[in-house]
Amino acid sequence: MADSQHDRFLQAATTHVPACDRALGRTLRYGVSTSWCRLFQAAPGPENVFRTAMKKKRIDPWRTGHCLKDPVSADYNQASYPEVV
């Protein structure tokens, strides 16, 4: 993903909610980014490039307050837990 794609991903798939008490974590955030790519026909990049971009943007995967937004969260959940859907 190019940097502009990282910005679009953050804007489209996440929101800052101070009351959100769960951290997304590194693996989850990258998994959600691949769901975003699938939904918006973007080519996902390697995980290390994604993590570097998030670090440059000072996005801490272990900090709470970032929540997922639909439709990306729904796509990620459906892909991750197909037996529940």
PDB file of N, CA and C in Angstrom:
ATOM      1  N   MET A   1       0.835  -1.185   0.000  1.00  0.00           N
ATOM      2  CA  MET A   1       0.000   0.000   0.000  1.00  0.00           C
ATOM      3  C   MET A   1       0.873   1.239   0.000  1.00  0.00           C
ATOM      4  N   ALA A   2       0.554   2.175  -0.818  1.00  0.00           N
ATOM      5  CA  ALA A   2       1.249   3.461  -0.805  1.00  0.00           C
ATOM      6  C   ALA A   2       0.787   4.245   0.419  1.00  0.00           C
ATOM      7  N   ASP A   3       1.567   5.266   0.800  1.00  0.00           N
ATOM      8  CA  ASP A   3       1.194   6.037   1.983  1.00  0.00           C
ATOM      9  C   ASP A   3      -0.218   6.585   1.903  1.00  0.00           C
ATOM     10  N   SER A   4      -0.627   7.059   0.731  1.00  0.00           N
ATOM     11  CA  SER A   4      -1.976   7.595   0.600  1.00  0.00           C
ATOM     12  C   SER A   4      -3.019   6.502   0.850  1.00  0.00           C
ATOM     13  N   GLN A   5      -2.708   5.268   0.486  1.00  0.00           N
ATOM     14  CA  GLN A   5      -3.614   4.160   0.788  1.00  0.00           C
ATOM     15  C   GLN A   5      -3.691   3.923   2.290  1.00  0.00           C
ATOM     16  N   HIS A   6      -2.580   4.076   2.989  1.00  0.00           N
ATOM     17  CA  HIS A   6      -2.604   3.911   4.435  1.00  0.00           C
ATOM     18  C   HIS A   6      -3.506   4.965   5.072  1.00  0.00           C
ATOM     19  N   ASP A   7      -3.421   6.187   4.571  1.00  0.00           N
ATOM     20  CA  ASP A   7      -4.288   7.249   5.085  1.00  0.00           C
ATOM     21  C   ASP A   7      -5.756   6.927   4.817  1.00  0.00           C
ATOM     22  N   ARG A   8      -6.048   6.483   3.602  1.00  0.00           N
ATOM     23  CA  ARG A   8      -7.429   6.137   3.253  1.00  0.00           C
ATOM     24  C   ARG A   8      -7.926   4.976   4.102  1.00  0.00           C
ATOM     25  N   PHE A   9      -7.053   3.992   4.333  1.00  0.00           N
ATOM     26  CA  PHE A   9      -7.434   2.868   5.188  1.00  0.00           C
ATOM     27  C   PHE A   9      -7.790   3.349   6.590  1.00  0.00           C
ATOM     28  N   LEU A  10      -6.925   4.154   7.187  1.00  0.00           N
ATOM     29  CA  LEU A  10      -7.189   4.634   8.547  1.00  0.00           C
ATOM     30  C   LEU A  10      -8.483   5.436   8.617  1.00  0.00           C
ATOM     31  N   GLN A  11      -8.714   6.255   7.619  1.00  0.00           N
ATOM     32  CA  GLN A  11      -9.916   7.080   7.613  1.00  0.00           C
ATOM     33  C   GLN A  11     -11.169   6.227   7.406  1.00  0.00           C
ATOM     34  N   ALA A  12     -11.100   5.249   6.517  1.00  0.00           N
ATOM     35  CA  ALA A  12     -12.282   4.452   6.186  1.00  0.00           C
ATOM     36  C   ALA A  12     -12.571   3.331   7.178  1.00  0.00           C
ATOM     37  N   ALA A  13     -11.545   2.772   7.780  1.00  0.00           N
ATOM     38  CA  ALA A  13     -11.731   1.552   8.569  1.00  0.00           C
ATOM     39  C   ALA A  13     -11.634   1.734  10.076  1.00  0.00           C
ATOM     40  N   THR A  14     -11.083   2.849  10.534  1.00  0.00           N
ATOM     41  CA  THR A  14     -10.928   3.027  11.974  1.00  0.00           C
ATOM     42  C   THR A  14     -11.492   4.374  12.409  1.00  0.00           C
ATOM     43  N   THR A  15     -11.793   4.436  13.659  1.00  0.00           N
ATOM     44  CA  THR A  15     -12.250   5.683  14.246  1.00  0.00           C
ATOM     45  C   THR A  15     -11.687   5.764  15.655  1.00  0.00           C
ATOM     46  N   HIS A  16     -11.451   6.980  16.105  1.00  0.00           N
ATOM     47  CA  HIS A  16     -10.934   7.165  17.465  1.00  0.00           C
ATOM     48  C   HIS A  16     -12.112   7.374  18.405  1.00  0.00           C
ATOM     49  N   VAL A  17     -12.260   6.453  19.337  1.00  0.00           N
ATOM     50  CA  VAL A  17     -13.311   6.523  20.342  1.00  0.00           C
ATOM     51  C   VAL A  17     -12.649   6.354  21.703  1.00  0.00           C
ATOM     52  N   PRO A  18     -12.486   7.419  22.450  1.00  0.00           N
ATOM     53  CA  PRO A  18     -11.787   7.315  23.734  1.00  0.00           C
ATOM     54  C   PRO A  18     -12.366   6.249  24.667  1.00  0.00           C
ATOM     55  N   ALA A  19     -13.665   5.998  24.587  1.00  0.00           N
ATOM     56  CA  ALA A  19     -14.296   5.008  25.468  1.00  0.00           C
ATOM     57  C   ALA A  19     -14.010   3.562  25.043  1.00  0.00           C
ATOM     58  N   CYS A  20     -13.458   3.377  23.848  1.00  0.00           N
ATOM     59  CA  CYS A  20     -13.132   2.029  23.368  1.00  0.00           C
ATOM     60  C   CYS A  20     -11.981   1.493  24.207  1.00  0.00           C
ATOM     61  N   ASP A  21     -12.214   0.368  24.880  1.00  0.00           N
ATOM     62  CA  ASP A  21     -11.206  -0.124  25.824  1.00  0.00           C
ATOM     63  C   ASP A  21     -10.386  -1.288  25.289  1.00  0.00           C
ATOM     64  N   ARG A  22     -10.460  -1.547  23.995  1.00  0.00           N
ATOM     65  CA  ARG A  22      -9.689  -2.642  23.413  1.00  0.00           C
ATOM     66  C   ARG A  22      -8.706  -2.117  22.386  1.00  0.00           C
ATOM     67  N   ALA A  23      -7.534  -2.698  22.409  1.00  0.00           N
ATOM     68  CA  ALA A  23      -6.522  -2.357  21.410  1.00  0.00           C
ATOM     69  C   ALA A  23      -6.672  -3.295  20.219  1.00  0.00           C
ATOM     70  N   LEU A  24      -6.419  -2.790  19.030  1.00  0.00           N
ATOM     71  CA  LEU A  24      -6.552  -3.628  17.830  1.00  0.00           C
ATOM     72  C   LEU A  24      -5.404  -4.613  17.695  1.00  0.00           C
ATOM     73  N   GLY A  25      -4.226  -4.257  18.145  1.00  0.00           N
ATOM     74  CA  GLY A  25      -3.082  -5.155  18.023  1.00  0.00           C
ATOM     75  C   GLY A  25      -2.516  -5.167  16.617  1.00  0.00           C
ATOM     76  N   ARG A  26      -1.289  -5.654  16.499  1.00  0.00           N
ATOM     77  CA  ARG A  26      -0.592  -5.637  15.205  1.00  0.00           C
ATOM     78  C   ARG A  26      -1.235  -6.556  14.182  1.00  0.00           C
ATOM     79  N   THR A  27      -1.485  -7.793  14.552  1.00  0.00           N
ATOM     80  CA  THR A  27      -2.017  -8.763  13.597  1.00  0.00           C
ATOM     81  C   THR A  27      -3.408  -8.378  13.144  1.00  0.00           C
ATOM     82  N   LEU A  28      -4.251  -7.986  14.089  1.00  0.00           N
ATOM     83  CA  LEU A  28      -5.616  -7.600  13.737  1.00  0.00           C
ATOM     84  C   LEU A  28      -5.623  -6.399  12.812  1.00  0.00           C
ATOM     85  N   ARG A  29      -4.835  -5.389  13.134  1.00  0.00           N
ATOM     86  CA  ARG A  29      -4.834  -4.185  12.293  1.00  0.00           C
ATOM     87  C   ARG A  29      -4.389  -4.512  10.864  1.00  0.00           C
ATOM     88  N   TYR A  30      -3.371  -5.356  10.702  1.00  0.00           N
ATOM     89  CA  TYR A  30      -2.947  -5.726   9.348  1.00  0.00           C
ATOM     90  C   TYR A  30      -4.040  -6.548   8.663  1.00  0.00           C
ATOM     91  N   GLY A  31      -4.667  -7.460   9.392  1.00  0.00           N
ATOM     92  CA  GLY A  31      -5.764  -8.253   8.821  1.00  0.00           C
ATOM     93  C   GLY A  31      -6.910  -7.374   8.358  1.00  0.00           C
ATOM     94  N   VAL A  32      -7.225  -6.376   9.134  1.00  0.00           N
ATOM     95  CA  VAL A  32      -8.282  -5.440   8.755  1.00  0.00           C
ATOM     96  C   VAL A  32      -7.865  -4.661   7.514  1.00  0.00           C
ATOM     97  N   SER A  33      -6.589  -4.317   7.415  1.00  0.00           N
ATOM     98  CA  SER A  33      -6.134  -3.580   6.228  1.00  0.00           C
ATOM     99  C   SER A  33      -6.271  -4.427   4.972  1.00  0.00           C
ATOM    100  N   THR A  34      -6.047  -5.738   5.073  1.00  0.00           N
ATOM    101  CA  THR A  34      -6.229  -6.592   3.889  1.00  0.00           C
ATOM    102  C   THR A  34      -7.707  -6.703   3.528  1.00  0.00           C
ATOM    103  N   SER A  35      -8.585  -6.699   4.526  1.00  0.00           N
ATOM    104  CA  SER A  35     -10.031  -6.677   4.230  1.00  0.00           C
ATOM    105  C   SER A  35     -10.404  -5.381   3.524  1.00  0.00           C
ATOM    106  N   TRP A  36      -9.851  -4.270   4.011  1.00  0.00           N
ATOM    107  CA  TRP A  36     -10.109  -2.980   3.372  1.00  0.00           C
ATOM    108  C   TRP A  36      -9.649  -3.013   1.918  1.00  0.00           C
ATOM    109  N   CYS A  37      -8.462  -3.569   1.689  1.00  0.00           N
ATOM    110  CA  CYS A  37      -7.937  -3.658   0.318  1.00  0.00           C
ATOM    111  C   CYS A  37      -8.886  -4.470  -0.573  1.00  0.00           C
ATOM    112  N   ARG A  38      -9.370  -5.581  -0.053  1.00  0.00           N
ATOM    113  CA  ARG A  38     -10.280  -6.422  -0.836  1.00  0.00           C
ATOM    114  C   ARG A  38     -11.567  -5.659  -1.174  1.00  0.00           C
ATOM    115  N   LEU A  39     -12.120  -4.963  -0.209  1.00  0.00           N
ATOM    116  CA  LEU A  39     -13.369  -4.228  -0.431  1.00  0.00           C
ATOM    117  C   LEU A  39     -13.213  -3.074  -1.410  1.00  0.00           C
ATOM    118  N   PHE A  40     -12.046  -2.427  -1.388  1.00  0.00           N
ATOM    119  CA  PHE A  40     -11.856  -1.237  -2.202  1.00  0.00           C
ATOM    120  C   PHE A  40     -10.891  -1.448  -3.368  1.00  0.00           C
ATOM    121  N   GLN A  41     -10.700  -2.718  -3.751  1.00  0.00           N
ATOM    122  CA  GLN A  41      -9.866  -3.092  -4.889  1.00  0.00           C
ATOM    123  C   GLN A  41      -8.486  -2.445  -4.859  1.00  0.00           C
ATOM    124  N   ALA A  42      -7.861  -2.484  -3.724  1.00  0.00           N
ATOM    125  CA  ALA A  42      -6.493  -1.981  -3.575  1.00  0.00           C
ATOM    126  C   ALA A  42      -5.569  -3.168  -3.339  1.00  0.00           C
ATOM    127  N   ALA A  43      -4.357  -3.059  -3.796  1.00  0.00           N
ATOM    128  CA  ALA A  43      -3.392  -4.144  -3.614  1.00  0.00           C
ATOM    129  C   ALA A  43      -2.738  -4.022  -2.234  1.00  0.00           C
ATOM    130  N   PRO A  44      -2.894  -5.047  -1.390  1.00  0.00           N
ATOM    131  CA  PRO A  44      -2.238  -4.973  -0.078  1.00  0.00           C
ATOM    132  C   PRO A  44      -0.731  -5.132  -0.224  1.00  0.00           C
ATOM    133  N   GLY A  45      -0.012  -4.435   0.596  1.00  0.00           N
ATOM    134  CA  GLY A  45       1.443  -4.560   0.600  1.00  0.00           C
ATOM    135  C   GLY A  45       1.879  -5.530   1.675  1.00  0.00           C
ATOM    136  N   PRO A  46       3.169  -5.751   1.777  1.00  0.00           N
ATOM    137  CA  PRO A  46       3.692  -6.640   2.812  1.00  0.00           C
ATOM    138  C   PRO A  46       3.395  -6.088   4.210  1.00  0.00           C
ATOM    139  N   GLU A  47       3.280  -6.985   5.158  1.00  0.00           N
ATOM    140  CA  GLU A  47       2.951  -6.587   6.521  1.00  0.00           C
ATOM    141  C   GLU A  47       4.003  -5.651   7.117  1.00  0.00           C
ATOM    142  N   ASN A  48       5.271  -5.901   6.835  1.00  0.00           N
ATOM    143  CA  ASN A  48       6.309  -5.040   7.416  1.00  0.00           C
ATOM    144  C   ASN A  48       6.214  -3.608   6.889  1.00  0.00           C
ATOM    145  N   VAL A  49       5.814  -3.426   5.643  1.00  0.00           N
ATOM    146  CA  VAL A  49       5.638  -2.084   5.076  1.00  0.00           C
ATOM    147  C   VAL A  49       4.456  -1.396   5.756  1.00  0.00           C
ATOM    148  N   PHE A  50       3.389  -2.152   5.968  1.00  0.00           N
ATOM    149  CA  PHE A  50       2.217  -1.614   6.653  1.00  0.00           C
ATOM    150  C   PHE A  50       2.581  -1.164   8.066  1.00  0.00           C
ATOM    151  N   ARG A  51       3.285  -2.023   8.795  1.00  0.00           N
ATOM    152  CA  ARG A  51       3.658  -1.685  10.170  1.00  0.00           C
ATOM    153  C   ARG A  51       4.571  -0.459  10.230  1.00  0.00           C
ATOM    154  N   THR A  52       5.485  -0.358   9.284  1.00  0.00           N
ATOM    155  CA  THR A  52       6.370   0.812   9.225  1.00  0.00           C
ATOM    156  C   THR A  52       5.563   2.079   8.980  1.00  0.00           C
ATOM    157  N   ALA A  53       4.597   2.003   8.077  1.00  0.00           N
ATOM    158  CA  ALA A  53       3.754   3.170   7.788  1.00  0.00           C
ATOM    159  C   ALA A  53       2.949   3.574   9.018  1.00  0.00           C
ATOM    160  N   MET A  54       2.414   2.603   9.753  1.00  0.00           N
ATOM    161  CA  MET A  54       1.647   2.912  10.956  1.00  0.00           C
ATOM    162  C   MET A  54       2.551   3.539  12.019  1.00  0.00           C
ATOM    163  N   LYS A  55       3.773   3.041  12.112  1.00  0.00           N
ATOM    164  CA  LYS A  55       4.724   3.597  13.079  1.00  0.00           C
ATOM    165  C   LYS A  55       5.053   5.043  12.731  1.00  0.00           C
ATOM    166  N   LYS A  56       5.251   5.338  11.428  1.00  0.00           N
ATOM    167  CA  LYS A  56       5.532   6.703  10.986  1.00  0.00           C
ATOM    168  C   LYS A  56       4.373   7.632  11.320  1.00  0.00           C
ATOM    169  N   LYS A  57       3.153   7.086  11.313  1.00  0.00           N
ATOM    170  CA  LYS A  57       1.962   7.875  11.624  1.00  0.00           C
ATOM    171  C   LYS A  57       1.675   7.897  13.130  1.00  0.00           C
ATOM    172  N   ARG A  58       2.586   7.286  13.881  1.00  0.00           N
ATOM    173  CA  ARG A  58       2.478   7.216  15.338  1.00  0.00           C
ATOM    174  C   ARG A  58       1.204   6.501  15.793  1.00  0.00           C
ATOM    175  N   ILE A  59       0.857   5.466  15.062  1.00  0.00           N
ATOM    176  CA  ILE A  59      -0.283   4.622  15.428  1.00  0.00           C
ATOM    177  C   ILE A  59       0.264   3.451  16.231  1.00  0.00           C
ATOM    178  N   ASP A  60      -0.040   3.423  17.498  1.00  0.00           N
ATOM    179  CA  ASP A  60       0.407   2.363  18.390  1.00  0.00           C
ATOM    180  C   ASP A  60      -0.643   1.263  18.386  1.00  0.00           C
ATOM    181  N   PRO A  61      -0.291   0.055  17.909  1.00  0.00           N
ATOM    182  CA  PRO A  61      -1.297  -1.014  17.817  1.00  0.00           C
ATOM    183  C   PRO A  61      -1.811  -1.480  19.170  1.00  0.00           C
ATOM    184  N   TRP A  62      -1.117  -1.152  20.241  1.00  0.00           N
ATOM    185  CA  TRP A  62      -1.535  -1.616  21.571  1.00  0.00           C
ATOM    186  C   TRP A  62      -2.267  -0.538  22.358  1.00  0.00           C
ATOM    187  N   ARG A  63      -2.387   0.647  21.783  1.00  0.00           N
ATOM    188  CA  ARG A  63      -3.118   1.709  22.463  1.00  0.00           C
ATOM    189  C   ARG A  63      -4.615   1.509  22.265  1.00  0.00           C
ATOM    190  N   THR A  64      -5.369   1.730  23.290  1.00  0.00           N
ATOM    191  CA  THR A  64      -6.814   1.621  23.172  1.00  0.00           C
ATOM    192  C   THR A  64      -7.377   2.909  22.589  1.00  0.00           C
ATOM    193  N   GLY A  65      -8.620   2.860  22.201  1.00  0.00           N
ATOM    194  CA  GLY A  65      -9.277   4.044  21.672  1.00  0.00           C
ATOM    195  C   GLY A  65      -9.498   4.024  20.175  1.00  0.00           C
ATOM    196  N   HIS A  66      -8.903   3.070  19.465  1.00  0.00           N
ATOM    197  CA  HIS A  66      -9.158   2.932  18.035  1.00  0.00           C
ATOM    198  C   HIS A  66     -10.120   1.766  17.822  1.00  0.00           C
ATOM    199  N   CYS A  67     -11.228   2.043  17.201  1.00  0.00           N
ATOM    200  CA  CYS A  67     -12.231   1.019  16.930  1.00  0.00           C
ATOM    201  C   CYS A  67     -12.412   0.867  15.425  1.00  0.00           C
ATOM    202  N   LEU A  68     -12.910  -0.287  15.032  1.00  0.00           N
ATOM    203  CA  LEU A  68     -13.153  -0.554  13.620  1.00  0.00           C
ATOM    204  C   LEU A  68     -14.512  -0.023  13.201  1.00  0.00           C
ATOM    205  N   LYS A  69     -14.611   0.313  11.908  1.00  0.00           N
ATOM    206  CA  LYS A  69     -15.885   0.764  11.347  1.00  0.00           C
ATOM    207  C   LYS A  69     -16.337  -0.235  10.280  1.00  0.00           C
ATOM    208  N   ASP A  70     -17.630  -0.310  10.079  1.00  0.00           N
ATOM    209  CA  ASP A  70     -18.177  -1.101   8.981  1.00  0.00           C
ATOM    210  C   ASP A  70     -17.980  -0.331   7.690  1.00  0.00           C
ATOM    211  N   PRO A  71     -17.931  -0.971   6.544  1.00  0.00           N
ATOM    212  CA  PRO A  71     -18.106  -2.397   6.283  1.00  0.00           C
ATOM    213  C   PRO A  71     -16.838  -3.223   6.476  1.00  0.00           C
ATOM    214  N   VAL A  72     -15.725  -2.580   6.772  1.00  0.00           N
ATOM    215  CA  VAL A  72     -14.458  -3.294   6.891  1.00  0.00           C
ATOM    216  C   VAL A  72     -14.485  -4.269   8.067  1.00  0.00           C
ATOM    217  N   SER A  73     -15.015  -3.847   9.200  1.00  0.00           N
ATOM    218  CA  SER A  73     -15.049  -4.741  10.359  1.00  0.00           C
ATOM    219  C   SER A  73     -15.920  -5.963  10.073  1.00  0.00           C
ATOM    220  N   ALA A  74     -17.029  -5.783   9.390  1.00  0.00           N
ATOM    221  CA  ALA A  74     -17.895  -6.919   9.045  1.00  0.00           C
ATOM    222  C   ALA A  74     -17.181  -7.877   8.101  1.00  0.00           C
ATOM    223  N   ASP A  75     -16.489  -7.347   7.105  1.00  0.00           N
ATOM    224  CA  ASP A  75     -15.759  -8.200   6.163  1.00  0.00           C
ATOM    225  C   ASP A  75     -14.655  -8.968   6.871  1.00  0.00           C
ATOM    226  N   TYR A  76     -13.929  -8.294   7.758  1.00  0.00           N
ATOM    227  CA  TYR A  76     -12.855  -8.957   8.495  1.00  0.00           C
ATOM    228  C   TYR A  76     -13.415 -10.070   9.374  1.00  0.00           C
ATOM    229  N   ASN A  77     -14.483  -9.801  10.087  1.00  0.00           N
ATOM    230  CA  ASN A  77     -15.093 -10.822  10.949  1.00  0.00           C
ATOM    231  C   ASN A  77     -15.613 -12.003  10.140  1.00  0.00           C
ATOM    232  N   GLN A  78     -16.244 -11.735   9.025  1.00  0.00           N
ATOM    233  CA  GLN A  78     -16.766 -12.806   8.181  1.00  0.00           C
ATOM    234  C   GLN A  78     -15.641 -13.658   7.620  1.00  0.00           C
ATOM    235  N   ALA A  79     -14.549 -13.046   7.221  1.00  0.00           N
ATOM    236  CA  ALA A  79     -13.414 -13.793   6.674  1.00  0.00           C
ATOM    237  C   ALA A  79     -12.677 -14.567   7.768  1.00  0.00           C
ATOM    238  N   SER A  80     -12.640 -14.011   8.973  1.00  0.00           N
ATOM    239  CA  SER A  80     -11.899 -14.643  10.065  1.00  0.00           C
ATOM    240  C   SER A  80     -12.678 -15.740  10.769  1.00  0.00           C
ATOM    241  N   TYR A  81     -13.991 -15.595  10.808  1.00  0.00           N
ATOM    242  CA  TYR A  81     -14.825 -16.545  11.545  1.00  0.00           C
ATOM    243  C   TYR A  81     -16.005 -16.987  10.691  1.00  0.00           C
ATOM    244  N   PRO A  82     -15.749 -17.671   9.565  1.00  0.00           N
ATOM    245  CA  PRO A  82     -16.844 -18.039   8.656  1.00  0.00           C
ATOM    246  C   PRO A  82     -17.863 -18.975   9.289  1.00  0.00           C
ATOM    247  N   GLU A  83     -17.456 -19.770  10.272  1.00  0.00           N
ATOM    248  CA  GLU A  83     -18.387 -20.715  10.895  1.00  0.00           C
ATOM    249  C   GLU A  83     -19.434 -19.999  11.747  1.00  0.00           C
ATOM    250  N   VAL A  84     -19.178 -18.773  12.150  1.00  0.00           N
ATOM    251  CA  VAL A  84     -20.121 -18.019  12.964  1.00  0.00           C
ATOM    252  C   VAL A  84     -21.163 -17.332  12.098  1.00  0.00           C
ATOM    253  N   VAL A  85     -20.799 -16.991  10.891  1.00  0.00           N
ATOM    254  CA  VAL A  85     -21.686 -16.240   9.992  1.00  0.00           C
ATOM    255  C   VAL A  85     -22.734 -17.130   9.407  1.00  0.00           C
TER     256      VAL A  85
END
